[in-house]
Every structure is written in structure tokens, then in C-alpha cells.
Amino acid sequence: MFQSIIKFLLTIKIQIIMNYSDFIYDFNLYLCERFGYRNCCSVMHNANGICVSVHVGEMDLYIRFWEYSCGVGHYPDWSIIIVRSNFKRNQQENLKDLARFFKEYAPRYGYKYLCTEDDDYKYYQTLGLKLIHRGFFRQYNYGLPLKELEV
């Protein structure tokens, strides 16, 4: 009985990692086709999802892909959280294009929301996100369901 439970949990863990691998593959392909950078994502797995960093050439990205948030920052479950998205050229157009990619591909992997964290760069204005949390020390988080995103 105990061994069958362990087998089951390992199978689920492998499926989750494979699902992330497919999503990262699609994201890397998008970055390659759009910007010409191949396999540039640095991925860190954590308890509630993954974090992706991209620091190459003209772009500096840090994005969290959370399956669940436990109420942290008032983010809904299955959120993509843009922490940092800086492009040396065409900042607003590249950010909108990134959001279009997420709107098209992320639902295939279960993601439902696009959010920003402590948005000093005003990404929320470019993407039309709504305030979801006003924290202490002027920390504002914004978000919107992917299907309502107009980019």
C-alpha cells in the first residue's frame, strides 16, 4: 500500500515537471522566434510553481508561474506574475507581445491570470491590469484573467 502511494506521487511529480518542461520549451521557442535568443531561460522550481529568469542582450525578465498562492499578495491560483520585464528597446510593444504569448499559450498549461508584483514600472498601465492588492509600504499588485486581457 505504502509503495503504491509513493509510486502514484512520483508519477504525479513527473507529470508536473514534464508539463513545466513543455511550457518552458514553448516559452524558449517564443523568445527565439521573437528576439533570436535560444534556450535562454533559467528555471527554478519551488513549492508552488516555477520562477523563470532571462538576462540576455536587450531583455531582463523575471516571471513567477504559480499554481497556487495561499493568499500571498492576494494573487489568484494559477497566476503568471511579472516581477520584472525590461527591454532596452520598444518596452511597451514587447511587453504587450509577451502578454499576447501568455494569453495564447498559458491556458494550455492551466494558467488563468496575468499579474504584476510591486509594479513600480507601471506594467499594469500598459497591459490594462486592475488593482488586486494594496499592501504596506506602497506595494501594489495588479492582475486580470487572461481571457479578459486586451492586448
N, C-alpha and C. Protein backbone atom coordinates (compact mmCIF):
# COMPACT_ATOMS: atom_id res chain seq x y z
N MET A 1 0.83 -1.19 0.00
CA MET A 1 0.00 0.00 0.00
C MET A 1 0.87 1.26 0.00
N PHE A 2 1.86 1.31 0.90
CA PHE A 2 2.74 2.47 1.01
C PHE A 2 3.51 2.68 -0.29
N GLN A 3 3.98 1.58 -0.90
CA GLN A 3 4.74 1.69 -2.14
C GLN A 3 3.87 2.19 -3.28
N SER A 4 2.61 1.78 -3.32
CA SER A 4 1.73 2.24 -4.39
C SER A 4 1.44 3.74 -4.24
N ILE A 5 1.34 4.22 -3.01
CA ILE A 5 1.14 5.66 -2.79
C ILE A 5 2.36 6.44 -3.26
N ILE A 6 3.55 5.96 -2.93
CA ILE A 6 4.79 6.62 -3.36
C ILE A 6 4.89 6.62 -4.88
N LYS A 7 4.57 5.50 -5.52
CA LYS A 7 4.59 5.42 -6.98
C LYS A 7 3.64 6.44 -7.59
N PHE A 8 2.45 6.52 -7.02
CA PHE A 8 1.45 7.46 -7.51
C PHE A 8 1.95 8.90 -7.40
N LEU A 9 2.50 9.26 -6.24
CA LEU A 9 3.01 10.62 -6.03
C LEU A 9 4.18 10.93 -6.96
N LEU A 10 5.05 9.98 -7.17
CA LEU A 10 6.17 10.19 -8.09
C LEU A 10 5.68 10.37 -9.52
N THR A 11 4.67 9.62 -9.90
CA THR A 11 4.09 9.76 -11.24
C THR A 11 3.51 11.16 -11.42
N ILE A 12 2.79 11.64 -10.42
CA ILE A 12 2.23 12.99 -10.50
C ILE A 12 3.34 14.02 -10.58
N LYS A 13 4.38 13.89 -9.77
CA LYS A 13 5.51 14.83 -9.78
C LYS A 13 6.17 14.85 -11.16
N ILE A 14 6.38 13.69 -11.76
CA ILE A 14 6.99 13.62 -13.08
C ILE A 14 6.10 14.29 -14.12
N GLN A 15 4.78 14.09 -14.04
CA GLN A 15 3.87 14.73 -14.98
C GLN A 15 3.90 16.24 -14.85
N ILE A 16 3.98 16.74 -13.62
CA ILE A 16 4.05 18.18 -13.39
C ILE A 16 5.33 18.75 -13.98
N ILE A 17 6.46 18.08 -13.74
CA ILE A 17 7.74 18.56 -14.28
C ILE A 17 7.71 18.52 -15.80
N MET A 18 7.13 17.47 -16.38
CA MET A 18 7.03 17.40 -17.83
C MET A 18 6.16 18.53 -18.36
N ASN A 19 5.08 18.85 -17.67
CA ASN A 19 4.20 19.94 -18.07
C ASN A 19 4.97 21.26 -18.07
N TYR A 20 5.76 21.51 -17.02
CA TYR A 20 6.60 22.71 -16.98
C TYR A 20 7.61 22.68 -18.11
N SER A 21 8.19 21.53 -18.38
CA SER A 21 9.18 21.42 -19.45
C SER A 21 8.58 21.81 -20.79
N ASP A 22 7.37 21.35 -21.05
CA ASP A 22 6.70 21.71 -22.30
C ASP A 22 6.44 23.21 -22.37
N PHE A 23 5.99 23.78 -21.26
CA PHE A 23 5.72 25.22 -21.24
C PHE A 23 7.01 26.02 -21.43
N ILE A 24 8.07 25.62 -20.76
CA ILE A 24 9.36 26.31 -20.92
C ILE A 24 9.88 26.15 -22.34
N TYR A 25 9.65 24.98 -22.93
CA TYR A 25 10.03 24.77 -24.33
C TYR A 25 9.30 25.78 -25.22
N ASP A 26 7.99 25.93 -25.03
CA ASP A 26 7.21 26.90 -25.81
C ASP A 26 7.69 28.33 -25.56
N PHE A 27 8.00 28.65 -24.30
CA PHE A 27 8.48 29.99 -23.97
C PHE A 27 9.84 30.26 -24.59
N ASN A 28 10.74 29.29 -24.53
CA ASN A 28 12.05 29.43 -25.18
C ASN A 28 11.89 29.60 -26.69
N LEU A 29 10.97 28.87 -27.29
CA LEU A 29 10.73 28.99 -28.73
C LEU A 29 10.21 30.39 -29.07
N TYR A 30 9.30 30.90 -28.24
CA TYR A 30 8.81 32.27 -28.44
C TYR A 30 9.96 33.27 -28.38
N LEU A 31 10.81 33.16 -27.35
CA LEU A 31 11.93 34.10 -27.20
C LEU A 31 12.90 33.99 -28.37
N CYS A 32 13.10 32.78 -28.88
CA CYS A 32 13.99 32.59 -30.02
C CYS A 32 13.40 33.22 -31.28
N GLU A 33 12.13 32.96 -31.54
CA GLU A 33 11.50 33.50 -32.75
C GLU A 33 11.35 35.01 -32.69
N ARG A 34 11.07 35.54 -31.51
CA ARG A 34 10.81 36.99 -31.38
C ARG A 34 12.09 37.80 -31.24
N PHE A 35 13.07 37.26 -30.49
CA PHE A 35 14.26 38.04 -30.18
C PHE A 35 15.57 37.41 -30.65
N GLY A 36 15.52 36.16 -31.07
CA GLY A 36 16.72 35.50 -31.58
C GLY A 36 17.59 34.85 -30.52
N TYR A 37 17.11 34.73 -29.29
CA TYR A 37 17.90 34.11 -28.22
C TYR A 37 17.42 32.69 -28.00
N ARG A 38 18.34 31.72 -28.05
CA ARG A 38 17.99 30.31 -27.92
C ARG A 38 18.26 29.82 -26.50
N ASN A 39 17.32 29.05 -25.98
CA ASN A 39 17.47 28.40 -24.67
C ASN A 39 18.03 29.34 -23.61
N CYS A 40 17.39 30.46 -23.44
CA CYS A 40 17.92 31.49 -22.54
C CYS A 40 17.21 31.53 -21.18
N CYS A 41 16.26 30.65 -20.94
CA CYS A 41 15.51 30.66 -19.68
C CYS A 41 16.27 29.92 -18.59
N SER A 42 16.38 30.55 -17.45
CA SER A 42 16.88 29.90 -16.24
C SER A 42 15.66 29.60 -15.38
N VAL A 43 15.43 28.33 -15.07
CA VAL A 43 14.21 27.91 -14.39
C VAL A 43 14.53 27.40 -13.00
N MET A 44 13.76 27.89 -12.02
CA MET A 44 13.89 27.43 -10.64
C MET A 44 12.54 26.87 -10.19
N HIS A 45 12.52 25.62 -9.79
CA HIS A 45 11.30 25.00 -9.27
C HIS A 45 11.16 25.37 -7.79
N ASN A 46 9.93 25.61 -7.37
CA ASN A 46 9.67 25.86 -5.95
C ASN A 46 8.37 25.17 -5.55
N ALA A 47 7.95 25.36 -4.34
CA ALA A 47 6.80 24.62 -3.80
C ALA A 47 5.50 24.93 -4.51
N ASN A 48 5.33 26.11 -5.04
CA ASN A 48 4.06 26.46 -5.66
C ASN A 48 4.14 26.73 -7.15
N GLY A 49 5.23 26.34 -7.79
CA GLY A 49 5.35 26.54 -9.23
C GLY A 49 6.79 26.67 -9.65
N ILE A 50 7.03 27.59 -10.59
CA ILE A 50 8.39 27.84 -11.06
C ILE A 50 8.62 29.34 -11.19
N CYS A 51 9.90 29.70 -11.20
CA CYS A 51 10.32 31.07 -11.49
C CYS A 51 11.26 31.01 -12.69
N VAL A 52 11.10 31.94 -13.60
CA VAL A 52 11.90 31.96 -14.81
C VAL A 52 12.64 33.30 -14.89
N SER A 53 13.95 33.22 -15.12
CA SER A 53 14.77 34.41 -15.33
C SER A 53 15.35 34.37 -16.73
N VAL A 54 15.38 35.52 -17.36
CA VAL A 54 16.02 35.67 -18.67
C VAL A 54 16.82 36.96 -18.62
N HIS A 55 18.12 36.84 -18.75
CA HIS A 55 19.01 38.01 -18.74
C HIS A 55 19.95 37.89 -19.94
N VAL A 56 19.50 38.35 -21.08
CA VAL A 56 20.33 38.31 -22.29
C VAL A 56 20.12 39.57 -23.09
N GLY A 57 21.17 40.00 -23.73
CA GLY A 57 21.10 41.13 -24.66
C GLY A 57 20.22 42.25 -24.20
N GLU A 58 19.13 42.42 -24.90
CA GLU A 58 18.25 43.57 -24.67
C GLU A 58 17.11 43.30 -23.71
N MET A 59 17.11 42.13 -23.05
CA MET A 59 15.97 41.84 -22.19
C MET A 59 16.39 41.33 -20.82
N ASP A 60 15.58 41.72 -19.82
CA ASP A 60 15.76 41.29 -18.44
C ASP A 60 14.38 40.95 -17.89
N LEU A 61 14.11 39.64 -17.77
CA LEU A 61 12.79 39.18 -17.33
C LEU A 61 12.92 38.36 -16.06
N TYR A 62 11.96 38.52 -15.17
CA TYR A 62 11.80 37.63 -14.02
C TYR A 62 10.31 37.42 -13.84
N ILE A 63 9.87 36.19 -14.02
CA ILE A 63 8.45 35.87 -14.04
C ILE A 63 8.20 34.66 -13.15
N ARG A 64 7.16 34.75 -12.33
CA ARG A 64 6.75 33.62 -11.49
C ARG A 64 5.53 32.96 -12.12
N PHE A 65 5.53 31.65 -12.15
CA PHE A 65 4.39 30.88 -12.61
C PHE A 65 3.89 30.09 -11.41
N TRP A 66 2.83 30.58 -10.79
CA TRP A 66 2.32 29.98 -9.55
C TRP A 66 1.09 29.15 -9.82
N GLU A 67 1.10 27.92 -9.32
CA GLU A 67 -0.09 27.09 -9.37
C GLU A 67 -1.06 27.50 -8.27
N TYR A 68 -0.52 27.80 -7.12
CA TYR A 68 -1.35 28.26 -6.01
C TYR A 68 -0.58 29.30 -5.22
N SER A 69 -1.34 30.18 -4.55
CA SER A 69 -0.70 31.29 -3.86
C SER A 69 -0.94 31.30 -2.36
N CYS A 70 -1.91 30.53 -1.89
CA CYS A 70 -2.27 30.54 -0.47
C CYS A 70 -2.59 31.95 0.02
N GLY A 71 -3.08 32.78 -0.85
CA GLY A 71 -3.47 34.14 -0.48
C GLY A 71 -2.34 35.15 -0.44
N VAL A 72 -1.12 34.73 -0.68
CA VAL A 72 0.03 35.65 -0.65
C VAL A 72 -0.16 36.71 -1.74
N GLY A 73 -0.08 37.97 -1.34
CA GLY A 73 -0.22 39.08 -2.28
C GLY A 73 -1.59 39.17 -2.93
N HIS A 74 -2.54 38.39 -2.44
CA HIS A 74 -3.89 38.33 -2.99
C HIS A 74 -3.91 37.86 -4.45
N TYR A 75 -2.86 37.13 -4.85
CA TYR A 75 -2.84 36.57 -6.20
C TYR A 75 -3.78 35.39 -6.27
N PRO A 76 -4.53 35.28 -7.36
CA PRO A 76 -5.35 34.07 -7.53
C PRO A 76 -4.46 32.87 -7.87
N ASP A 77 -4.98 31.67 -7.64
CA ASP A 77 -4.25 30.47 -8.05
C ASP A 77 -4.10 30.48 -9.57
N TRP A 78 -3.08 29.80 -10.05
CA TRP A 78 -2.76 29.69 -11.47
C TRP A 78 -2.49 31.06 -12.10
N SER A 79 -1.57 31.80 -11.46
CA SER A 79 -1.20 33.13 -11.92
C SER A 79 0.20 33.15 -12.52
N ILE A 80 0.34 33.96 -13.55
CA ILE A 80 1.65 34.32 -14.08
C ILE A 80 1.92 35.71 -13.53
N ILE A 81 3.02 35.85 -12.78
CA ILE A 81 3.31 37.11 -12.09
C ILE A 81 4.57 37.72 -12.71
N ILE A 82 4.40 38.83 -13.40
CA ILE A 82 5.55 39.54 -13.97
C ILE A 82 6.15 40.40 -12.87
N VAL A 83 7.33 40.01 -12.43
CA VAL A 83 8.04 40.77 -11.41
C VAL A 83 8.90 41.84 -12.08
N ARG A 84 9.56 41.44 -13.17
CA ARG A 84 10.41 42.37 -13.91
C ARG A 84 10.35 41.99 -15.38
N SER A 85 10.16 42.99 -16.23
CA SER A 85 10.10 42.79 -17.67
C SER A 85 10.66 44.03 -18.34
N ASN A 86 11.97 44.06 -18.49
CA ASN A 86 12.63 45.24 -19.04
C ASN A 86 13.27 44.93 -20.38
N PHE A 87 12.95 45.75 -21.36
CA PHE A 87 13.51 45.65 -22.70
C PHE A 87 14.22 46.97 -23.01
N LYS A 88 15.38 46.89 -23.64
CA LYS A 88 16.12 48.12 -23.94
C LYS A 88 15.43 48.95 -25.00
N ARG A 89 14.73 48.28 -25.92
CA ARG A 89 14.02 48.99 -26.98
C ARG A 89 12.56 48.55 -27.01
N ASN A 90 11.69 49.44 -27.39
CA ASN A 90 10.26 49.12 -27.58
C ASN A 90 9.65 48.44 -26.36
N GLN A 91 9.83 49.02 -25.19
CA GLN A 91 9.37 48.42 -23.93
C GLN A 91 7.89 48.06 -23.97
N GLN A 92 7.04 49.00 -24.30
CA GLN A 92 5.60 48.75 -24.24
C GLN A 92 5.16 47.71 -25.27
N GLU A 93 5.66 47.81 -26.50
CA GLU A 93 5.26 46.85 -27.53
C GLU A 93 5.75 45.44 -27.20
N ASN A 94 6.98 45.31 -26.69
CA ASN A 94 7.50 43.99 -26.33
C ASN A 94 6.74 43.40 -25.14
N LEU A 95 6.36 44.24 -24.18
CA LEU A 95 5.58 43.77 -23.05
C LEU A 95 4.20 43.29 -23.50
N LYS A 96 3.56 44.03 -24.39
CA LYS A 96 2.27 43.61 -24.92
C LYS A 96 2.40 42.30 -25.70
N ASP A 97 3.48 42.16 -26.45
CA ASP A 97 3.69 40.93 -27.21
C ASP A 97 3.89 39.74 -26.27
N LEU A 98 4.62 39.95 -25.19
CA LEU A 98 4.80 38.91 -24.18
C LEU A 98 3.45 38.52 -23.58
N ALA A 99 2.62 39.51 -23.29
CA ALA A 99 1.28 39.24 -22.74
C ALA A 99 0.42 38.48 -23.75
N ARG A 100 0.54 38.81 -25.04
CA ARG A 100 -0.20 38.07 -26.07
C ARG A 100 0.23 36.61 -26.10
N PHE A 101 1.55 36.37 -25.96
CA PHE A 101 2.04 34.99 -25.90
C PHE A 101 1.40 34.25 -24.73
N PHE A 102 1.42 34.87 -23.55
CA PHE A 102 0.83 34.24 -22.37
C PHE A 102 -0.66 34.00 -22.55
N LYS A 103 -1.35 34.96 -23.14
CA LYS A 103 -2.79 34.81 -23.35
C LYS A 103 -3.10 33.62 -24.25
N GLU A 104 -2.25 33.39 -25.25
CA GLU A 104 -2.49 32.29 -26.19
C GLU A 104 -2.04 30.94 -25.65
N TYR A 105 -0.85 30.89 -25.02
CA TYR A 105 -0.26 29.59 -24.66
C TYR A 105 -0.48 29.17 -23.21
N ALA A 106 -0.51 30.11 -22.28
CA ALA A 106 -0.57 29.75 -20.86
C ALA A 106 -1.82 28.95 -20.48
N PRO A 107 -3.01 29.25 -21.03
CA PRO A 107 -4.17 28.45 -20.65
C PRO A 107 -4.02 26.95 -20.98
N ARG A 108 -3.22 26.62 -21.97
CA ARG A 108 -2.97 25.21 -22.30
C ARG A 108 -2.30 24.46 -21.15
N TYR A 109 -1.64 25.22 -20.29
CA TYR A 109 -0.91 24.64 -19.16
C TYR A 109 -1.60 24.94 -17.83
N GLY A 110 -2.81 25.46 -17.89
CA GLY A 110 -3.61 25.65 -16.68
C GLY A 110 -3.61 27.06 -16.11
N TYR A 111 -2.79 27.95 -16.64
CA TYR A 111 -2.71 29.31 -16.09
C TYR A 111 -3.91 30.14 -16.52
N LYS A 112 -4.42 30.95 -15.57
CA LYS A 112 -5.66 31.69 -15.81
C LYS A 112 -5.53 33.19 -15.64
N TYR A 113 -4.46 33.67 -14.99
CA TYR A 113 -4.34 35.09 -14.67
C TYR A 113 -2.96 35.62 -15.03
N LEU A 114 -2.93 36.90 -15.41
CA LEU A 114 -1.67 37.61 -15.59
C LEU A 114 -1.63 38.71 -14.55
N CYS A 115 -0.55 38.75 -13.78
CA CYS A 115 -0.43 39.70 -12.67
C CYS A 115 0.94 40.39 -12.71
N THR A 116 1.05 41.46 -11.94
CA THR A 116 2.34 42.10 -11.71
C THR A 116 2.56 42.20 -10.21
N GLU A 117 3.82 42.31 -9.82
CA GLU A 117 4.17 42.40 -8.41
C GLU A 117 4.88 43.71 -8.14
N ASP A 118 4.41 44.44 -7.14
CA ASP A 118 5.06 45.69 -6.73
C ASP A 118 5.45 46.50 -7.95
N ASP A 119 4.44 46.91 -8.70
CA ASP A 119 4.60 47.42 -10.06
C ASP A 119 5.06 48.87 -10.13
N ASP A 120 6.32 49.12 -9.82
CA ASP A 120 6.88 50.48 -9.94
C ASP A 120 7.08 50.88 -11.40
N TYR A 121 7.20 49.90 -12.27
CA TYR A 121 7.45 50.18 -13.70
C TYR A 121 6.17 50.49 -14.47
N LYS A 122 5.02 50.36 -13.82
CA LYS A 122 3.72 50.67 -14.42
C LYS A 122 3.36 49.72 -15.57
N TYR A 123 3.76 48.45 -15.45
CA TYR A 123 3.36 47.45 -16.44
C TYR A 123 1.84 47.36 -16.51
N TYR A 124 1.20 47.52 -15.34
CA TYR A 124 -0.26 47.39 -15.27
C TYR A 124 -0.95 48.37 -16.20
N GLN A 125 -0.38 49.56 -16.39
CA GLN A 125 -0.99 50.55 -17.28
C GLN A 125 -0.89 50.10 -18.73
N THR A 126 0.26 49.57 -19.10
CA THR A 126 0.47 49.09 -20.46
C THR A 126 -0.47 47.93 -20.77
N LEU A 127 -0.69 47.05 -19.79
CA LEU A 127 -1.48 45.84 -20.02
C LEU A 127 -2.94 45.97 -19.60
N GLY A 128 -3.31 47.07 -18.95
CA GLY A 128 -4.69 47.28 -18.53
C GLY A 128 -5.11 46.40 -17.36
N LEU A 129 -4.18 46.11 -16.45
CA LEU A 129 -4.48 45.27 -15.29
C LEU A 129 -5.16 46.08 -14.20
N LYS A 130 -5.90 45.39 -13.33
CA LYS A 130 -6.62 46.05 -12.25
C LYS A 130 -5.95 45.76 -10.91
N LEU A 131 -6.08 46.70 -9.99
CA LEU A 131 -5.50 46.55 -8.64
C LEU A 131 -6.14 45.37 -7.93
N ILE A 132 -5.32 44.45 -7.40
CA ILE A 132 -5.85 43.32 -6.64
C ILE A 132 -5.38 43.35 -5.19
N HIS A 133 -4.33 44.14 -4.91
CA HIS A 133 -3.84 44.21 -3.52
C HIS A 133 -3.04 45.49 -3.31
N ARG A 134 -3.39 46.19 -2.24
CA ARG A 134 -2.63 47.37 -1.83
C ARG A 134 -2.02 47.02 -0.48
N GLY A 135 -0.70 46.81 -0.48
CA GLY A 135 -0.03 46.37 0.74
C GLY A 135 0.62 47.54 1.47
N PHE A 136 1.28 47.20 2.56
CA PHE A 136 2.05 48.18 3.30
C PHE A 136 3.23 48.64 2.47
N PHE A 137 3.77 49.79 2.77
CA PHE A 137 4.97 50.32 2.11
C PHE A 137 4.78 50.47 0.61
N ARG A 138 3.57 50.84 0.19
CA ARG A 138 3.26 51.12 -1.21
C ARG A 138 3.52 49.93 -2.16
N GLN A 139 3.24 48.75 -1.71
CA GLN A 139 3.35 47.59 -2.59
C GLN A 139 1.98 47.34 -3.21
N TYR A 140 1.89 47.55 -4.51
CA TYR A 140 0.64 47.37 -5.23
C TYR A 140 0.79 46.21 -6.21
N ASN A 141 -0.17 45.29 -6.16
CA ASN A 141 -0.19 44.17 -7.08
C ASN A 141 -1.41 44.29 -7.97
N TYR A 142 -1.23 43.98 -9.24
CA TYR A 142 -2.28 44.10 -10.23
C TYR A 142 -2.49 42.77 -10.93
N GLY A 143 -3.69 42.54 -11.45
CA GLY A 143 -3.95 41.31 -12.16
C GLY A 143 -5.23 41.35 -12.96
N LEU A 144 -5.38 40.35 -13.82
CA LEU A 144 -6.56 40.24 -14.68
C LEU A 144 -6.60 38.82 -15.23
N PRO A 145 -7.80 38.26 -15.38
CA PRO A 145 -7.88 36.95 -16.05
C PRO A 145 -7.33 37.07 -17.48
N LEU A 146 -6.62 36.05 -17.91
CA LEU A 146 -6.02 36.06 -19.26
C LEU A 146 -7.08 36.28 -20.34
N LYS A 147 -8.24 35.68 -20.15
CA LYS A 147 -9.28 35.81 -21.18
C LYS A 147 -9.83 37.22 -21.29
N GLU A 148 -9.65 38.06 -20.26
CA GLU A 148 -10.11 39.45 -20.30
C GLU A 148 -9.02 40.41 -20.76
N LEU A 149 -7.82 39.90 -20.95
CA LEU A 149 -6.68 40.73 -21.34
C LEU A 149 -6.87 41.23 -22.77
N GLU A 150 -6.74 42.54 -22.96
CA GLU A 150 -6.91 43.14 -24.28
C GLU A 150 -5.58 43.72 -24.75
N VAL A 151 -4.81 42.89 -25.40
CA VAL A 151 -3.51 43.34 -25.93
C VAL A 151 -3.40 43.02 -27.40
